[in-house]
Amino acid sequence: MVPCWLIAAEKPLLGGDGLSMWGYGVLTHLAKQSAANQLALATLRSGTTSRD
């Protein structure tokens, strides 16, 4: 789990580049481990396939 203070500190930086926290999380995950498809990536990231 990422500490709330870290998320708050990173949000302005990500917003400047047009990258959402979800997108940042996906890119971070892909830098560590590949995923076969979007469904596999969504499941690995959060255990759910919904972005809601």
N, C-alpha and C. Protein backbone atom coordinates (compact mmCIF):
# COMPACT_ATOMS: atom_id res chain seq x y z
N MET A 1 0.84 -1.18 0.00
CA MET A 1 0.00 0.00 0.00
C MET A 1 0.88 1.24 0.00
N VAL A 2 0.57 2.16 -0.87
CA VAL A 2 1.33 3.40 -0.98
C VAL A 2 0.80 4.41 0.05
N PRO A 3 1.70 5.03 0.83
CA PRO A 3 1.24 6.01 1.82
C PRO A 3 0.54 7.19 1.15
N CYS A 4 -0.49 7.70 1.80
CA CYS A 4 -1.27 8.82 1.25
C CYS A 4 -0.41 10.05 1.01
N TRP A 5 0.57 10.31 1.88
CA TRP A 5 1.41 11.49 1.70
C TRP A 5 2.24 11.37 0.43
N LEU A 6 2.63 10.16 0.06
CA LEU A 6 3.41 9.98 -1.16
C LEU A 6 2.54 10.22 -2.39
N ILE A 7 1.32 9.72 -2.36
CA ILE A 7 0.40 9.95 -3.46
C ILE A 7 0.14 11.45 -3.63
N ALA A 8 -0.10 12.13 -2.51
CA ALA A 8 -0.36 13.57 -2.55
C ALA A 8 0.84 14.32 -3.11
N ALA A 9 2.04 13.90 -2.78
CA ALA A 9 3.25 14.56 -3.27
C ALA A 9 3.47 14.33 -4.77
N GLU A 10 3.06 13.16 -5.27
CA GLU A 10 3.30 12.83 -6.67
C GLU A 10 2.22 13.37 -7.61
N LYS A 11 1.01 13.60 -7.12
CA LYS A 11 -0.09 14.03 -7.98
C LYS A 11 0.23 15.27 -8.82
N PRO A 12 0.79 16.34 -8.25
CA PRO A 12 1.08 17.51 -9.08
C PRO A 12 2.10 17.21 -10.19
N LEU A 13 3.04 16.35 -9.91
CA LEU A 13 4.04 15.99 -10.91
C LEU A 13 3.42 15.21 -12.06
N LEU A 14 2.55 14.28 -11.71
CA LEU A 14 1.89 13.47 -12.73
C LEU A 14 0.93 14.30 -13.56
N GLY A 15 0.20 15.20 -12.91
CA GLY A 15 -0.76 16.04 -13.61
C GLY A 15 -0.09 16.93 -14.64
N GLY A 16 1.13 17.35 -14.36
CA GLY A 16 1.86 18.19 -15.30
C GLY A 16 2.17 17.48 -16.60
N ASP A 17 2.27 16.16 -16.52
CA ASP A 17 2.55 15.36 -17.71
C ASP A 17 1.29 14.71 -18.28
N GLY A 18 0.14 14.98 -17.64
CA GLY A 18 -1.12 14.40 -18.12
C GLY A 18 -1.27 12.94 -17.79
N LEU A 19 -0.57 12.46 -16.76
CA LEU A 19 -0.61 11.05 -16.39
C LEU A 19 -1.43 10.89 -15.11
N SER A 20 -2.41 10.00 -15.14
CA SER A 20 -3.23 9.75 -13.95
C SER A 20 -2.48 8.83 -12.99
N MET A 21 -2.96 8.78 -11.75
CA MET A 21 -2.36 7.86 -10.78
C MET A 21 -2.54 6.41 -11.24
N TRP A 22 -3.68 6.12 -11.87
CA TRP A 22 -3.91 4.77 -12.38
C TRP A 22 -2.88 4.45 -13.47
N GLY A 23 -2.67 5.40 -14.37
CA GLY A 23 -1.69 5.20 -15.42
C GLY A 23 -0.28 5.05 -14.88
N TYR A 24 0.04 5.84 -13.86
CA TYR A 24 1.35 5.74 -13.22
C TYR A 24 1.53 4.36 -12.59
N GLY A 25 0.48 3.88 -11.94
CA GLY A 25 0.55 2.55 -11.33
C GLY A 25 0.74 1.46 -12.37
N VAL A 26 0.06 1.60 -13.49
CA VAL A 26 0.19 0.62 -14.57
C VAL A 26 1.62 0.63 -15.13
N LEU A 27 2.14 1.80 -15.39
CA LEU A 27 3.51 1.89 -15.92
C LEU A 27 4.53 1.36 -14.92
N THR A 28 4.32 1.63 -13.65
CA THR A 28 5.22 1.11 -12.61
C THR A 28 5.19 -0.41 -12.60
N HIS A 29 3.99 -0.97 -12.68
CA HIS A 29 3.86 -2.42 -12.70
C HIS A 29 4.54 -3.02 -13.93
N LEU A 30 4.31 -2.41 -15.09
CA LEU A 30 4.89 -2.93 -16.32
C LEU A 30 6.41 -2.83 -16.33
N ALA A 31 6.96 -1.87 -15.61
CA ALA A 31 8.41 -1.76 -15.52
C ALA A 31 9.00 -2.93 -14.74
N LYS A 32 8.20 -3.51 -13.85
CA LYS A 32 8.65 -4.63 -13.03
C LYS A 32 8.30 -5.99 -13.62
N GLN A 33 7.13 -6.06 -14.25
CA GLN A 33 6.60 -7.34 -14.74
C GLN A 33 5.67 -7.09 -15.91
N SER A 34 5.78 -7.88 -16.94
CA SER A 34 4.90 -7.71 -18.10
C SER A 34 3.55 -8.35 -17.83
N ALA A 35 2.59 -8.00 -18.65
CA ALA A 35 1.25 -8.59 -18.57
C ALA A 35 0.83 -9.00 -19.98
N ALA A 36 0.14 -10.12 -20.09
CA ALA A 36 -0.24 -10.66 -21.39
C ALA A 36 -1.23 -9.77 -22.13
N ASN A 37 -2.12 -9.12 -21.37
CA ASN A 37 -3.14 -8.26 -21.97
C ASN A 37 -3.68 -7.30 -20.90
N GLN A 38 -4.61 -6.45 -21.28
CA GLN A 38 -5.15 -5.47 -20.33
C GLN A 38 -5.92 -6.12 -19.19
N LEU A 39 -6.63 -7.19 -19.47
CA LEU A 39 -7.37 -7.89 -18.42
C LEU A 39 -6.40 -8.46 -17.38
N ALA A 40 -5.34 -9.08 -17.84
CA ALA A 40 -4.35 -9.62 -16.91
C ALA A 40 -3.71 -8.51 -16.09
N LEU A 41 -3.42 -7.39 -16.71
CA LEU A 41 -2.83 -6.27 -16.01
C LEU A 41 -3.78 -5.72 -14.95
N ALA A 42 -5.04 -5.54 -15.30
CA ALA A 42 -6.03 -5.03 -14.34
C ALA A 42 -6.16 -5.97 -13.15
N THR A 43 -6.16 -7.25 -13.40
CA THR A 43 -6.28 -8.23 -12.34
C THR A 43 -5.06 -8.22 -11.43
N LEU A 44 -3.88 -8.13 -12.02
CA LEU A 44 -2.65 -8.08 -11.23
C LEU A 44 -2.58 -6.83 -10.38
N ARG A 45 -3.00 -5.72 -10.93
CA ARG A 45 -2.88 -4.43 -10.23
C ARG A 45 -3.83 -4.31 -9.05
N SER A 46 -5.06 -4.76 -9.21
CA SER A 46 -6.02 -4.47 -8.17
C SER A 46 -6.92 -5.63 -7.78
N GLY A 47 -6.81 -6.74 -8.46
CA GLY A 47 -7.68 -7.86 -8.19
C GLY A 47 -9.07 -7.67 -8.80
N THR A 48 -9.26 -6.60 -9.53
CA THR A 48 -10.54 -6.35 -10.18
C THR A 48 -10.28 -5.88 -11.61
N THR A 49 -11.27 -6.00 -12.46
CA THR A 49 -11.10 -5.56 -13.84
C THR A 49 -11.77 -4.21 -14.08
N SER A 50 -12.28 -3.59 -13.03
CA SER A 50 -12.97 -2.31 -13.16
C SER A 50 -12.07 -1.17 -12.72
N ARG A 51 -12.16 -0.04 -13.42
CA ARG A 51 -11.40 1.14 -13.02
C ARG A 51 -12.25 2.07 -12.17
N ASP A 52 -13.45 1.69 -11.84
CA ASP A 52 -14.35 2.54 -11.04
C ASP A 52 -13.91 2.60 -9.61
